[in-house]
Amino acid sequence: MKHRNFFIALVALVALGVSACNGGSVSGQDVKIENQSDSVSYALGHSVGNNLKTQFPTADPQIVAQALLEAFEGKENKLFENGQAADNYIRTYLRAESEKKAQENQAKGVAFLAENGKKAGVMTTASGLQYEVIKEGSGAKPVAESMVKVHYHGTTIEGEVFDSSVDRGQPAEFPLNGVIKGWTEGLQLMTVGSKYKFYIPSELAYGPRGAGAKIGPNTTLIFEVELLEILKQEPAK
């Protein structure tokens, strides 16, 4: 939480260009960079400003700036009796926002899969995993303990790319039992040389915890996966 407060302070100074108490702003004006400390300050401001823009998209930057000035001037906090109380408030807010987003993502994913499952060529397994065959290969099928080599392209149901070995131009290698459940199940349906499209409900993906900035809680994922090779095939037990 100390880092979060530091981020708020920096973004107020850099993104807003906070000026004197008359309410003016120097935002947009050239900033004088005269030494290494200035350069670090500027770099930090841009970095944390972008982070805050993602974490607190509805925050009012002018209120942030005013509170920052008050803190630097040693004025009494108008809302919280101490820093810990403020940190707790931010933590509670973030938890509530995360839960709200999780509910929204869950509802969107359920609605999407319900409609998607009606499309010709889309199959749904007992677990809720959906898939369609883009290209069918003729090689062996992996088992859960196999090490595989694949190319993949991952997007959200809105079409935002969050990861792609195709875009990187470098296939991925991993043990099939070391990835999300949707992949472990889905790739065992494929033969080497196949290319499938998987529609993975959140409970078979990253669930309520999400993964990184682009995969929120309870997000349904879409992957196009090509099984290039089985690097190590363990016998099914």
Protein backbone atom coordinates (compact mmCIF):
# COMPACT_ATOMS: atom_id res chain seq x y z
CA MET A 1 0.00 0.00 0.00
CA LYS A 2 2.93 2.36 0.55
CA HIS A 3 3.81 1.93 -3.12
CA ARG A 4 0.24 2.74 -4.13
CA ASN A 5 0.33 6.01 -2.17
CA PHE A 6 3.64 6.83 -3.80
CA PHE A 7 2.10 6.21 -7.22
CA ILE A 8 -0.78 8.58 -6.44
CA ALA A 9 1.60 11.32 -5.43
CA LEU A 10 3.77 10.97 -8.52
CA VAL A 11 0.96 10.86 -11.02
CA ALA A 12 -0.56 13.97 -9.49
CA LEU A 13 2.69 15.83 -9.94
CA VAL A 14 3.60 14.62 -13.40
CA ALA A 15 0.34 13.89 -15.20
CA LEU A 16 -1.38 17.00 -13.87
CA GLY A 17 1.58 19.28 -13.59
CA VAL A 18 0.36 20.56 -10.24
CA SER A 19 1.04 24.24 -9.78
CA ALA A 20 0.44 26.74 -7.04
CA CYS A 21 -2.66 26.91 -4.92
CA ASN A 22 -4.46 29.24 -7.32
CA GLY A 23 -5.70 26.20 -9.21
CA GLY A 24 -3.51 26.77 -12.24
CA SER A 25 -1.78 23.96 -14.06
CA VAL A 26 1.48 23.62 -15.94
CA SER A 27 0.29 20.43 -17.63
CA GLY A 28 1.46 20.36 -21.23
CA GLN A 29 4.31 22.78 -20.67
CA ASP A 30 7.91 21.75 -21.17
CA VAL A 31 9.54 20.25 -18.10
CA LYS A 32 13.15 21.18 -17.48
CA ILE A 33 15.33 18.09 -17.22
CA GLU A 34 18.67 19.30 -15.90
CA ASN A 35 20.21 16.31 -14.12
CA GLN A 36 19.91 12.60 -13.50
CA SER A 37 17.52 13.08 -10.61
CA ASP A 38 15.18 15.05 -12.89
CA SER A 39 15.32 12.29 -15.50
CA VAL A 40 14.49 9.61 -12.94
CA SER A 41 11.64 11.72 -11.60
CA TYR A 42 10.18 12.16 -15.07
CA ALA A 43 10.53 8.47 -15.92
CA LEU A 44 8.88 7.47 -12.65
CA GLY A 45 6.02 9.85 -13.21
CA HIS A 46 5.18 8.43 -16.62
CA SER A 47 5.54 4.85 -15.45
CA VAL A 48 3.34 5.11 -12.39
CA GLY A 49 0.93 7.45 -14.13
CA ASN A 50 0.17 4.77 -16.69
CA ASN A 51 -0.25 2.23 -13.89
CA LEU A 52 -2.66 4.44 -12.00
CA LYS A 53 -4.66 5.09 -15.13
CA THR A 54 -5.29 1.35 -15.28
CA GLN A 55 -5.86 0.75 -11.56
CA PHE A 56 -8.03 3.79 -10.83
CA PRO A 57 -9.77 4.79 -14.08
CA THR A 58 -12.54 6.71 -12.28
CA ALA A 59 -10.33 8.63 -9.86
CA ASP A 60 -10.55 12.44 -10.07
CA PRO A 61 -6.98 13.65 -10.67
CA GLN A 62 -7.72 17.13 -9.36
CA ILE A 63 -8.84 15.75 -6.00
CA VAL A 64 -5.71 13.59 -5.93
CA ALA A 65 -3.63 16.69 -6.63
CA GLN A 66 -5.33 18.71 -3.89
CA ALA A 67 -4.81 15.97 -1.31
CA LEU A 68 -1.18 15.72 -2.37
CA LEU A 69 -0.60 19.42 -1.84
CA GLU A 70 -2.27 19.26 1.57
CA ALA A 71 -0.05 16.35 2.59
CA PHE A 72 3.12 18.16 1.51
CA GLU A 73 2.03 21.26 3.38
CA GLY A 74 1.41 19.20 6.51
CA LYS A 75 -2.31 19.92 6.63
CA GLU A 76 -4.71 17.64 8.46
CA ASN A 77 -6.33 14.84 6.49
CA LYS A 78 -9.99 15.80 6.02
CA LEU A 79 -11.31 12.25 5.66
CA PHE A 80 -9.02 9.81 7.46
CA GLU A 81 -7.46 9.92 10.88
CA ASN A 82 -4.20 8.37 9.69
CA GLY A 83 -2.41 6.78 6.74
CA GLN A 84 -3.45 3.26 7.73
CA ALA A 85 -7.12 4.24 7.61
CA ALA A 86 -6.63 5.67 4.13
CA ASP A 87 -4.82 2.53 2.99
CA ASN A 88 -7.64 0.37 4.35
CA TYR A 89 -10.17 2.47 2.48
CA ILE A 90 -8.28 2.05 -0.79
CA ARG A 91 -7.95 -1.69 -0.18
CA THR A 92 -11.68 -2.02 0.46
CA TYR A 93 -12.47 -0.01 -2.66
CA LEU A 94 -10.22 -2.15 -4.84
CA ARG A 95 -11.73 -5.36 -3.44
CA ALA A 96 -15.25 -4.14 -4.17
CA GLU A 97 -14.31 -3.06 -7.69
CA SER A 98 -12.68 -6.43 -8.33
CA GLU A 99 -15.77 -8.29 -7.14
CA LYS A 100 -17.99 -6.10 -9.30
CA LYS A 101 -15.79 -6.71 -12.34
CA ALA A 102 -15.74 -10.44 -11.62
CA GLN A 103 -19.55 -10.56 -11.62
CA GLU A 104 -19.73 -8.58 -14.85
CA ASN A 105 -17.16 -10.78 -16.56
CA GLN A 106 -18.89 -13.94 -15.37
CA ALA A 107 -22.25 -12.80 -16.76
CA LYS A 108 -20.72 -11.76 -20.08
CA GLY A 109 -18.88 -15.06 -20.40
CA VAL A 110 -21.96 -17.16 -19.65
CA ALA A 111 -24.02 -15.23 -22.21
CA PHE A 112 -21.27 -15.49 -24.83
CA LEU A 113 -20.81 -19.24 -24.40
CA ALA A 114 -24.56 -19.87 -24.49
CA GLU A 115 -24.80 -18.23 -27.91
CA ASN A 116 -21.48 -19.53 -29.18
CA GLY A 117 -22.45 -23.11 -28.36
CA LYS A 118 -25.35 -22.88 -30.82
CA LYS A 119 -23.06 -22.20 -33.78
CA ALA A 120 -22.45 -24.89 -36.37
CA GLY A 121 -19.19 -26.71 -35.78
CA VAL A 122 -18.83 -25.69 -32.14
CA MET A 123 -18.68 -28.63 -29.75
CA THR A 124 -19.16 -28.46 -25.97
CA THR A 125 -17.61 -30.96 -23.58
CA ALA A 126 -19.03 -32.09 -20.23
CA SER A 127 -16.82 -29.57 -18.41
CA GLY A 128 -18.18 -26.66 -20.43
CA LEU A 129 -15.14 -26.29 -22.70
CA GLN A 130 -16.14 -25.36 -26.25
CA TYR A 131 -14.06 -26.02 -29.34
CA GLU A 132 -14.17 -26.09 -33.10
CA VAL A 133 -11.82 -27.77 -35.53
CA ILE A 134 -9.96 -25.45 -37.88
CA LYS A 135 -7.66 -28.14 -39.24
CA GLU A 136 -7.49 -31.82 -38.33
CA GLY A 137 -4.09 -33.49 -38.15
CA SER A 138 -3.17 -37.14 -38.36
CA GLY A 139 -0.51 -37.61 -35.69
CA ALA A 140 -0.65 -38.92 -32.15
CA LYS A 141 -2.69 -37.40 -29.32
CA PRO A 142 -1.00 -36.13 -26.16
CA VAL A 143 -1.97 -37.19 -22.66
CA ALA A 144 -2.07 -35.00 -19.57
CA GLU A 145 1.56 -35.81 -18.69
CA SER A 146 2.90 -35.00 -22.17
CA MET A 147 5.32 -32.21 -22.99
CA VAL A 148 4.00 -30.41 -26.06
CA LYS A 149 5.07 -27.76 -28.55
CA VAL A 150 2.35 -25.43 -29.81
CA HIS A 151 1.58 -22.17 -31.52
CA TYR A 152 -1.30 -20.21 -30.02
CA HIS A 153 -3.14 -16.91 -30.21
CA GLY A 154 -5.17 -15.82 -27.18
CA THR A 155 -7.90 -13.18 -27.02
CA THR A 156 -10.75 -12.13 -24.77
CA ILE A 157 -14.33 -12.48 -26.04
CA GLU A 158 -14.09 -8.78 -26.97
CA GLY A 159 -11.19 -9.58 -29.28
CA GLU A 160 -8.34 -8.09 -27.23
CA VAL A 161 -5.11 -10.03 -27.69
CA PHE A 162 -3.47 -10.85 -24.36
CA ASP A 163 -0.85 -13.40 -25.45
CA SER A 164 0.29 -14.89 -28.74
CA SER A 165 3.20 -17.12 -29.63
CA VAL A 166 2.21 -16.50 -33.25
CA ASP A 167 2.82 -12.77 -32.88
CA ARG A 168 6.14 -13.46 -31.16
CA GLY A 169 7.14 -15.91 -33.87
CA GLN A 170 8.24 -18.43 -31.25
CA PRO A 171 6.31 -21.64 -30.44
CA ALA A 172 5.72 -22.48 -26.78
CA GLU A 173 6.74 -25.68 -25.00
CA PHE A 174 5.17 -26.83 -21.74
CA PRO A 175 3.91 -29.86 -19.82
CA LEU A 176 0.21 -30.29 -20.51
CA ASN A 177 -0.61 -30.77 -16.84
CA GLY A 178 1.09 -27.48 -15.96
CA VAL A 179 -1.33 -25.12 -17.70
CA ILE A 180 -4.95 -24.02 -17.24
CA LYS A 181 -7.58 -26.77 -17.17
CA GLY A 182 -9.08 -25.76 -20.50
CA TRP A 183 -5.75 -26.33 -22.22
CA THR A 184 -5.06 -29.61 -20.42
CA GLU A 185 -8.43 -30.97 -21.52
CA GLY A 186 -8.54 -29.37 -24.96
CA LEU A 187 -5.15 -30.39 -26.26
CA GLN A 188 -5.84 -34.03 -25.43
CA LEU A 189 -8.59 -33.87 -28.06
CA MET A 190 -6.06 -32.90 -30.73
CA THR A 191 -3.70 -34.88 -32.89
CA VAL A 192 -0.32 -33.53 -33.94
CA GLY A 193 -0.83 -31.22 -36.90
CA SER A 194 -4.30 -30.13 -35.75
CA LYS A 195 -5.44 -26.58 -35.20
CA TYR A 196 -8.43 -25.98 -32.91
CA LYS A 197 -10.20 -22.95 -31.56
CA PHE A 198 -11.03 -23.18 -27.86
CA TYR A 199 -13.60 -21.13 -25.96
CA ILE A 200 -12.63 -21.53 -22.33
CA PRO A 201 -15.01 -20.59 -19.49
CA SER A 202 -13.39 -18.78 -16.60
CA GLU A 203 -13.56 -21.78 -14.26
CA LEU A 204 -11.34 -23.67 -16.70
CA ALA A 205 -9.04 -20.66 -17.12
CA TYR A 206 -7.85 -18.27 -14.38
CA GLY A 207 -11.09 -18.00 -12.42
CA PRO A 208 -11.70 -15.15 -9.97
CA ARG A 209 -8.01 -14.31 -9.58
CA GLY A 210 -7.48 -13.38 -13.24
CA ALA A 211 -3.99 -13.09 -14.69
CA GLY A 212 -2.15 -9.84 -15.24
CA ALA A 213 -3.62 -6.60 -16.48
CA LYS A 214 -5.44 -7.98 -19.52
CA ILE A 215 -7.18 -11.02 -18.02
CA GLY A 216 -9.57 -9.82 -15.37
CA PRO A 217 -11.37 -11.96 -12.78
CA ASN A 218 -13.77 -14.56 -14.22
CA THR A 219 -12.75 -13.82 -17.80
CA THR A 220 -13.76 -16.21 -20.59
CA LEU A 221 -10.86 -16.78 -23.01
CA ILE A 222 -10.50 -17.73 -26.66
CA PHE A 223 -7.45 -19.53 -28.02
CA GLU A 224 -6.50 -20.70 -31.47
CA VAL A 225 -4.03 -23.52 -30.83
CA GLU A 226 -1.94 -25.54 -33.29
CA LEU A 227 -0.34 -28.71 -31.90
CA LEU A 228 3.06 -28.83 -33.57
CA GLU A 229 4.75 -31.67 -31.74
CA ILE A 230 4.65 -33.97 -28.74
CA LEU A 231 8.10 -33.59 -27.24
CA LYS A 232 7.68 -36.21 -24.55
CA GLN A 233 4.83 -38.67 -24.43
CA GLU A 234 4.16 -40.30 -21.08
CA PRO A 235 1.92 -43.38 -21.16
CA ALA A 236 -1.63 -42.87 -19.98
CA LYS A 237 -2.26 -44.47 -16.58
